[in-house]
């Protein structure tokens, strides 16, 4: 019942976070003439969004999938 969650969760998490990093963080890599603090300011928002995305995915997979598994388990045993 929970093996599907264990195998599926890391794949989805890594794929989404990698895609976000590839499209929003890597293009903001600093150039030689850009000041250090400007680089920090440019990268703060994308990294914060990535952290929130990672947390939301964790909460959804951890609580959402487990809740659905418990609900289906209860319904299955209620029918029997």
Foldseek 3Di string as FASTA:
>chain_A
DCVCLVVPLVVVLVVVLVVLCVPQPVVLDDDPPDDPVVSVVSRPVSVVVSVVVSVVSCCCSVPVVVVVVVVVVVVVVVVD
